[in-house]
Structures are given as structure tokens and as C-alpha cells.
N, C-alpha and C. Protein backbone atom coordinates (compact mmCIF):
# COMPACT_ATOMS: atom_id res chain seq x y z
N MET A 1 10.41 161.10 88.67
CA MET A 1 11.23 160.80 87.65
C MET A 1 10.89 161.50 86.36
N ALA A 2 11.85 162.08 85.78
CA ALA A 2 11.60 162.90 84.51
C ALA A 2 11.18 161.93 83.41
N PRO A 3 10.08 162.33 82.65
CA PRO A 3 9.68 161.55 81.57
C PRO A 3 10.76 161.48 80.49
N GLY A 4 10.93 160.38 79.88
CA GLY A 4 11.91 160.25 78.89
C GLY A 4 13.33 160.04 79.35
N LYS A 5 13.50 159.96 80.66
CA LYS A 5 14.81 159.74 81.22
C LYS A 5 15.24 158.27 80.95
N ARG A 6 16.50 158.18 80.59
CA ARG A 6 17.08 156.78 80.16
C ARG A 6 18.33 156.56 80.90
N TYR A 7 18.64 155.26 81.19
CA TYR A 7 19.83 154.83 81.76
C TYR A 7 20.72 154.28 80.68
N VAL A 8 22.06 154.57 80.78
CA VAL A 8 22.99 154.14 79.70
C VAL A 8 24.10 153.31 80.49
N CYS A 9 24.40 152.23 79.95
CA CYS A 9 25.49 151.40 80.44
C CYS A 9 26.79 151.94 79.81
N ALA A 10 27.62 152.62 80.59
CA ALA A 10 28.87 153.20 80.05
C ALA A 10 29.82 152.14 79.53
N GLY A 11 30.43 152.44 78.43
CA GLY A 11 31.40 151.57 77.83
C GLY A 11 30.80 150.31 77.19
N SER A 12 29.45 150.40 76.92
CA SER A 12 28.78 149.27 76.28
C SER A 12 27.94 149.77 75.11
N SER A 13 27.68 148.83 74.24
CA SER A 13 26.83 149.23 73.13
C SER A 13 25.40 148.79 73.41
N ALA A 14 25.08 148.41 74.65
CA ALA A 14 23.74 148.02 74.99
C ALA A 14 22.76 149.23 74.77
N PRO A 15 21.55 148.93 74.47
CA PRO A 15 20.57 150.05 74.20
C PRO A 15 20.24 150.75 75.55
N ARG A 16 19.82 151.99 75.41
CA ARG A 16 19.41 152.78 76.56
C ARG A 16 18.16 152.19 77.21
N VAL A 17 18.00 152.24 78.50
CA VAL A 17 16.89 151.66 79.19
C VAL A 17 16.02 152.71 79.77
N ASP A 18 14.72 152.47 79.70
CA ASP A 18 13.74 153.45 80.26
C ASP A 18 13.92 153.50 81.79
N ALA A 19 14.34 154.65 82.28
CA ALA A 19 14.67 154.77 83.70
C ALA A 19 13.42 154.64 84.55
N GLU A 20 12.27 155.03 84.06
CA GLU A 20 11.04 154.97 84.89
C GLU A 20 10.74 153.53 85.27
N VAL A 21 10.83 152.62 84.30
CA VAL A 21 10.60 151.26 84.46
C VAL A 21 11.56 150.65 85.52
N ILE A 22 12.86 150.96 85.39
CA ILE A 22 13.88 150.50 86.28
C ILE A 22 13.67 151.08 87.65
N ASP A 23 13.42 152.34 87.79
CA ASP A 23 13.21 153.00 89.08
C ASP A 23 12.02 152.43 89.81
N ARG A 24 10.95 152.22 89.13
CA ARG A 24 9.69 151.64 89.71
C ARG A 24 10.02 150.25 90.24
N ALA A 25 10.76 149.47 89.55
CA ALA A 25 11.09 148.10 89.97
C ALA A 25 11.98 148.14 91.21
N VAL A 26 12.96 149.04 91.32
CA VAL A 26 13.82 149.21 92.41
C VAL A 26 13.07 149.58 93.66
N VAL A 27 12.31 150.70 93.49
CA VAL A 27 11.55 151.27 94.60
C VAL A 27 10.54 150.21 95.14
N ALA A 28 9.99 149.40 94.36
CA ALA A 28 9.09 148.37 94.89
C ALA A 28 9.76 147.39 95.73
N HIS A 29 11.03 147.24 95.61
CA HIS A 29 11.73 146.20 96.42
C HIS A 29 12.77 146.85 97.44
N VAL A 30 12.79 148.16 97.55
CA VAL A 30 13.76 148.76 98.41
C VAL A 30 13.66 148.25 99.85
N ASP A 31 12.46 147.99 100.32
CA ASP A 31 12.30 147.55 101.73
C ASP A 31 12.91 146.18 102.02
N THR A 32 13.19 145.42 100.91
CA THR A 32 13.79 144.10 101.16
C THR A 32 15.32 144.10 101.04
N PHE A 33 15.89 145.27 100.64
CA PHE A 33 17.32 145.39 100.57
C PHE A 33 17.92 145.23 101.95
N PHE A 34 17.33 145.88 102.93
CA PHE A 34 17.78 145.75 104.33
C PHE A 34 16.56 145.32 105.13
N LEU A 35 16.59 144.07 105.58
CA LEU A 35 15.45 143.59 106.32
C LEU A 35 15.42 144.36 107.68
N ASP A 36 16.51 144.65 108.27
CA ASP A 36 16.55 145.30 109.54
C ASP A 36 17.60 146.46 109.47
N PHE A 37 17.27 147.62 108.86
CA PHE A 37 18.22 148.66 108.56
C PHE A 37 18.71 149.23 109.94
N LYS A 38 17.83 149.33 110.94
CA LYS A 38 18.36 149.84 112.24
C LYS A 38 19.35 148.87 112.92
N GLY A 39 18.98 147.61 112.79
CA GLY A 39 19.90 146.56 113.35
C GLY A 39 21.20 146.53 112.61
N TRP A 40 21.16 146.66 111.29
CA TRP A 40 22.43 146.67 110.50
C TRP A 40 23.26 147.92 110.91
N THR A 41 22.71 149.09 111.00
CA THR A 41 23.45 150.25 111.39
C THR A 41 24.01 150.12 112.73
N HIS A 42 23.26 149.49 113.66
CA HIS A 42 23.74 149.24 115.06
C HIS A 42 24.93 148.30 115.01
N GLN A 43 24.88 147.25 114.16
CA GLN A 43 26.02 146.35 114.10
C GLN A 43 27.27 146.99 113.48
N VAL A 44 27.06 147.84 112.50
CA VAL A 44 28.21 148.60 111.95
C VAL A 44 28.82 149.49 113.00
N ALA A 45 27.97 150.23 113.76
CA ALA A 45 28.49 151.10 114.76
C ALA A 45 29.23 150.33 115.84
N GLU A 46 28.66 149.19 116.23
CA GLU A 46 29.30 148.38 117.27
C GLU A 46 30.65 147.85 116.85
N ARG A 47 30.66 147.40 115.53
CA ARG A 47 31.98 146.86 114.99
C ARG A 47 33.01 148.04 114.97
N GLN A 48 32.63 149.21 114.65
CA GLN A 48 33.53 150.37 114.57
C GLN A 48 34.00 150.70 116.02
N GLY A 49 33.08 150.62 116.99
CA GLY A 49 33.51 150.81 118.38
C GLY A 49 34.53 149.82 118.84
N LEU A 50 34.28 148.57 118.45
CA LEU A 50 35.27 147.50 118.82
C LEU A 50 36.63 147.72 118.14
N ASP A 51 36.57 148.16 116.91
CA ASP A 51 37.87 148.38 116.15
C ASP A 51 38.53 149.53 116.88
N ARG A 52 37.85 150.60 117.21
CA ARG A 52 38.40 151.77 117.94
C ARG A 52 38.97 151.36 119.28
N ALA A 53 38.20 150.52 119.98
CA ALA A 53 38.71 150.13 121.34
C ALA A 53 40.00 149.34 121.15
N GLY A 54 40.11 148.53 120.08
CA GLY A 54 41.32 147.73 119.83
C GLY A 54 42.49 148.66 119.56
N VAL A 55 42.29 149.70 118.75
CA VAL A 55 43.31 150.61 118.41
C VAL A 55 43.73 151.40 119.62
N GLU A 56 42.75 151.85 120.43
CA GLU A 56 43.14 152.54 121.67
C GLU A 56 43.93 151.69 122.66
N GLU A 57 43.60 150.40 122.71
CA GLU A 57 44.36 149.51 123.60
C GLU A 57 45.82 149.37 123.14
N ARG A 58 45.97 149.22 121.80
CA ARG A 58 47.33 149.06 121.22
C ARG A 58 48.15 150.34 121.47
N VAL A 59 47.47 151.48 121.34
CA VAL A 59 48.19 152.72 121.64
C VAL A 59 48.56 152.85 123.06
N ARG A 60 47.67 152.48 123.99
CA ARG A 60 47.98 152.52 125.42
C ARG A 60 49.20 151.56 125.66
N ALA A 61 49.13 150.37 125.15
CA ALA A 61 50.26 149.45 125.39
C ALA A 61 51.55 149.94 124.77
N THR A 62 51.50 150.62 123.66
CA THR A 62 52.67 151.06 123.01
C THR A 62 53.26 152.30 123.85
N ARG A 63 52.42 153.07 124.38
CA ARG A 63 52.83 154.19 125.25
C ARG A 63 53.56 153.61 126.49
N GLU A 64 52.96 152.60 127.06
CA GLU A 64 53.63 151.97 128.26
C GLU A 64 55.03 151.36 127.82
N ARG A 65 55.11 150.79 126.64
CA ARG A 65 56.32 150.19 126.12
C ARG A 65 57.35 151.32 125.92
N LEU A 66 56.93 152.46 125.35
CA LEU A 66 57.84 153.59 125.21
C LEU A 66 58.44 154.11 126.52
N ALA A 67 57.54 154.13 127.57
CA ALA A 67 58.00 154.56 128.85
C ALA A 67 59.03 153.58 129.43
N SER A 68 58.79 152.33 129.25
CA SER A 68 59.63 151.25 129.69
C SER A 68 61.03 151.37 129.02
N ILE A 69 60.93 151.56 127.68
CA ILE A 69 62.23 151.65 126.98
C ILE A 69 62.96 152.91 127.38
N ASP A 70 62.31 154.02 127.62
CA ASP A 70 63.02 155.17 128.09
C ASP A 70 63.67 154.95 129.46
N ARG A 71 63.01 154.27 130.40
CA ARG A 71 63.62 153.95 131.72
C ARG A 71 64.84 153.11 131.52
N LEU A 72 64.72 152.08 130.62
CA LEU A 72 65.92 151.25 130.37
C LEU A 72 67.06 151.93 129.70
N ARG A 73 66.74 152.91 128.84
CA ARG A 73 67.81 153.67 128.16
C ARG A 73 68.62 154.46 129.20
N VAL A 74 67.89 155.07 130.21
CA VAL A 74 68.58 155.85 131.23
C VAL A 74 69.57 154.92 131.92
N LYS A 75 69.09 153.71 132.35
CA LYS A 75 69.97 152.78 133.04
C LYS A 75 71.07 152.36 132.29
N ALA A 76 70.83 152.02 130.95
CA ALA A 76 71.91 151.52 130.12
C ALA A 76 72.98 152.59 129.87
N ARG A 77 72.57 153.86 129.69
CA ARG A 77 73.51 154.90 129.49
C ARG A 77 74.34 155.08 130.76
N ALA A 78 73.68 155.02 131.93
CA ALA A 78 74.48 155.19 133.13
C ALA A 78 75.45 154.04 133.30
N ASP A 79 75.04 152.79 132.92
CA ASP A 79 75.97 151.61 133.01
C ASP A 79 77.13 151.79 132.00
N TYR A 80 76.82 152.25 130.79
CA TYR A 80 77.83 152.53 129.80
C TYR A 80 78.96 153.47 130.31
N LEU A 81 78.43 154.60 130.87
CA LEU A 81 79.38 155.57 131.45
C LEU A 81 80.19 155.02 132.61
N ARG A 82 79.54 154.22 133.45
CA ARG A 82 80.20 153.70 134.65
C ARG A 82 81.27 152.69 134.16
N GLN A 83 80.95 151.87 133.16
CA GLN A 83 81.88 150.87 132.61
C GLN A 83 83.10 151.59 131.99
N LEU A 84 82.84 152.64 131.25
CA LEU A 84 83.97 153.41 130.63
C LEU A 84 84.87 154.01 131.76
N ASP A 85 84.20 154.53 132.79
CA ASP A 85 84.94 155.12 133.92
C ASP A 85 85.84 154.10 134.66
N LEU A 86 85.30 152.84 134.68
CA LEU A 86 86.03 151.84 135.36
C LEU A 86 87.06 151.14 134.43
N GLY A 87 87.09 151.57 133.17
CA GLY A 87 88.05 151.02 132.25
C GLY A 87 87.68 149.65 131.68
N ARG A 88 86.40 149.27 131.82
CA ARG A 88 85.87 147.99 131.34
C ARG A 88 85.22 148.16 129.98
N SER A 89 86.15 148.11 128.97
CA SER A 89 85.70 148.36 127.58
C SER A 89 84.79 147.33 127.04
N ASP A 90 84.98 146.07 127.43
CA ASP A 90 84.09 144.99 126.98
C ASP A 90 82.65 145.21 127.58
N ALA A 91 82.59 145.51 128.87
CA ALA A 91 81.26 145.76 129.48
C ALA A 91 80.62 147.03 128.96
N ALA A 92 81.41 148.04 128.65
CA ALA A 92 80.87 149.28 128.01
C ALA A 92 80.34 148.94 126.68
N GLU A 93 80.97 148.07 125.94
CA GLU A 93 80.48 147.72 124.62
C GLU A 93 79.10 147.05 124.69
N VAL A 94 78.98 146.14 125.69
CA VAL A 94 77.72 145.42 125.85
C VAL A 94 76.65 146.53 126.17
N ALA A 95 76.96 147.43 127.02
CA ALA A 95 75.92 148.47 127.42
C ALA A 95 75.62 149.35 126.14
N ALA A 96 76.66 149.67 125.33
CA ALA A 96 76.46 150.45 124.12
C ALA A 96 75.57 149.66 123.15
N ASP A 97 75.74 148.34 123.00
CA ASP A 97 74.89 147.46 122.16
C ASP A 97 73.42 147.56 122.68
N ALA A 98 73.32 147.45 124.04
CA ALA A 98 71.94 147.59 124.62
C ALA A 98 71.25 148.92 124.31
N LEU A 99 72.02 150.02 124.32
CA LEU A 99 71.54 151.33 123.91
C LEU A 99 71.12 151.37 122.46
N THR A 100 71.87 150.74 121.63
CA THR A 100 71.52 150.69 120.16
C THR A 100 70.23 149.88 120.04
N ASP A 101 70.12 148.75 120.66
CA ASP A 101 68.89 147.96 120.54
C ASP A 101 67.71 148.69 121.11
N LEU A 102 67.79 149.30 122.20
CA LEU A 102 66.71 150.12 122.75
C LEU A 102 66.30 151.24 121.84
N ALA A 103 67.19 151.90 121.22
CA ALA A 103 66.95 152.92 120.29
C ALA A 103 66.13 152.41 119.08
N ALA A 104 66.49 151.22 118.61
CA ALA A 104 65.74 150.59 117.47
C ALA A 104 64.35 150.22 117.96
N GLN A 105 64.22 149.70 119.19
CA GLN A 105 62.93 149.38 119.67
C GLN A 105 62.01 150.60 119.82
N ARG A 106 62.64 151.66 120.24
CA ARG A 106 61.84 152.93 120.39
C ARG A 106 61.43 153.47 119.00
N GLU A 107 62.23 153.36 118.01
CA GLU A 107 61.90 153.76 116.65
C GLU A 107 60.76 152.93 116.14
N ASP A 108 60.85 151.63 116.36
CA ASP A 108 59.65 150.74 115.90
C ASP A 108 58.35 151.13 116.61
N ALA A 109 58.46 151.39 117.93
CA ALA A 109 57.22 151.76 118.65
C ALA A 109 56.69 153.07 118.16
N GLU A 110 57.54 154.04 117.96
CA GLU A 110 57.09 155.31 117.42
C GLU A 110 56.52 155.17 116.06
N ALA A 111 57.02 154.34 115.18
CA ALA A 111 56.46 154.12 113.92
C ALA A 111 55.05 153.52 114.04
N GLY A 112 54.86 152.66 114.95
CA GLY A 112 53.48 152.09 115.20
C GLY A 112 52.54 153.14 115.63
N MET A 113 53.05 154.06 116.50
CA MET A 113 52.15 155.12 116.94
C MET A 113 51.77 156.02 115.77
N ARG A 114 52.74 156.31 114.93
CA ARG A 114 52.46 157.21 113.74
C ARG A 114 51.41 156.47 112.80
N ALA A 115 51.65 155.20 112.64
CA ALA A 115 50.70 154.42 111.78
C ALA A 115 49.28 154.43 112.36
N ALA A 116 49.21 154.50 113.70
CA ALA A 116 47.88 154.56 114.29
C ALA A 116 47.35 155.94 114.33
N GLY A 117 48.08 156.91 113.81
CA GLY A 117 47.67 158.27 113.75
C GLY A 117 47.83 159.01 115.10
N ARG A 118 48.76 158.49 115.91
CA ARG A 118 48.95 159.13 117.23
C ARG A 118 50.36 159.71 117.27
N PRO A 119 50.50 160.77 118.01
CA PRO A 119 51.86 161.37 118.09
C PRO A 119 52.76 160.61 119.10
């Protein structure tokens, strides 16, 4: 520590404090700040791993949901066209509503993937 070094409390009119005195007091107790530093870092890493596993599981489930939505959209579109071909406008409207709902579900799922940082 440089002799004459002082700490200043920014935005305060408190007097400057001798840095050497403060540094010596902090260094004397540094070993008590973390009783088990290795254990603490292990806990942090473990927690991050669990968080990552949770995100990966949600991404996997969302991908499955997207695939399911896409399969249903193919069927709903085919039903819509079949109903139109048969002149069943009410049934075609029901299929069109299903297509609209599936499109909204897909948009929501895609938004969730983007929020998770996944394409």
C-alpha cells in the first residue's frame, strides 16, 4: 500500500481515511469472509448447472410443442380444404379458427424460444 494513500467517501463531506489502517483491518479478517470458499464456489456452480438444466428442459419441451403444433396445422389445413371442397362452410370456418389458434400458439412458443436465447 502506498504511504499516504487515503480513502474518500464520494458524495460526502466525511474526512479522508488512512487507507493503510483500513487495508490492514480488512486483510486481517479476509479469511473469515468466506468460511469455505471452495464449498461456496461449488454451490454457485451447482446452482448454475441446475438453472441451465431447467432452461434446457424447457427448450426441449418447447421444441416438442412446436413439432406437435406443426403436425396439427397440417391436419387442420387439410381439413379446411376438404370442408371447402365439400361445400361445408361452417365446418371450414371451424378448421380456419383452429388454424388461427395454432398459429397463435406457435408464435407464443417461438417467443419463448427467443427469450431463452434459442432459435
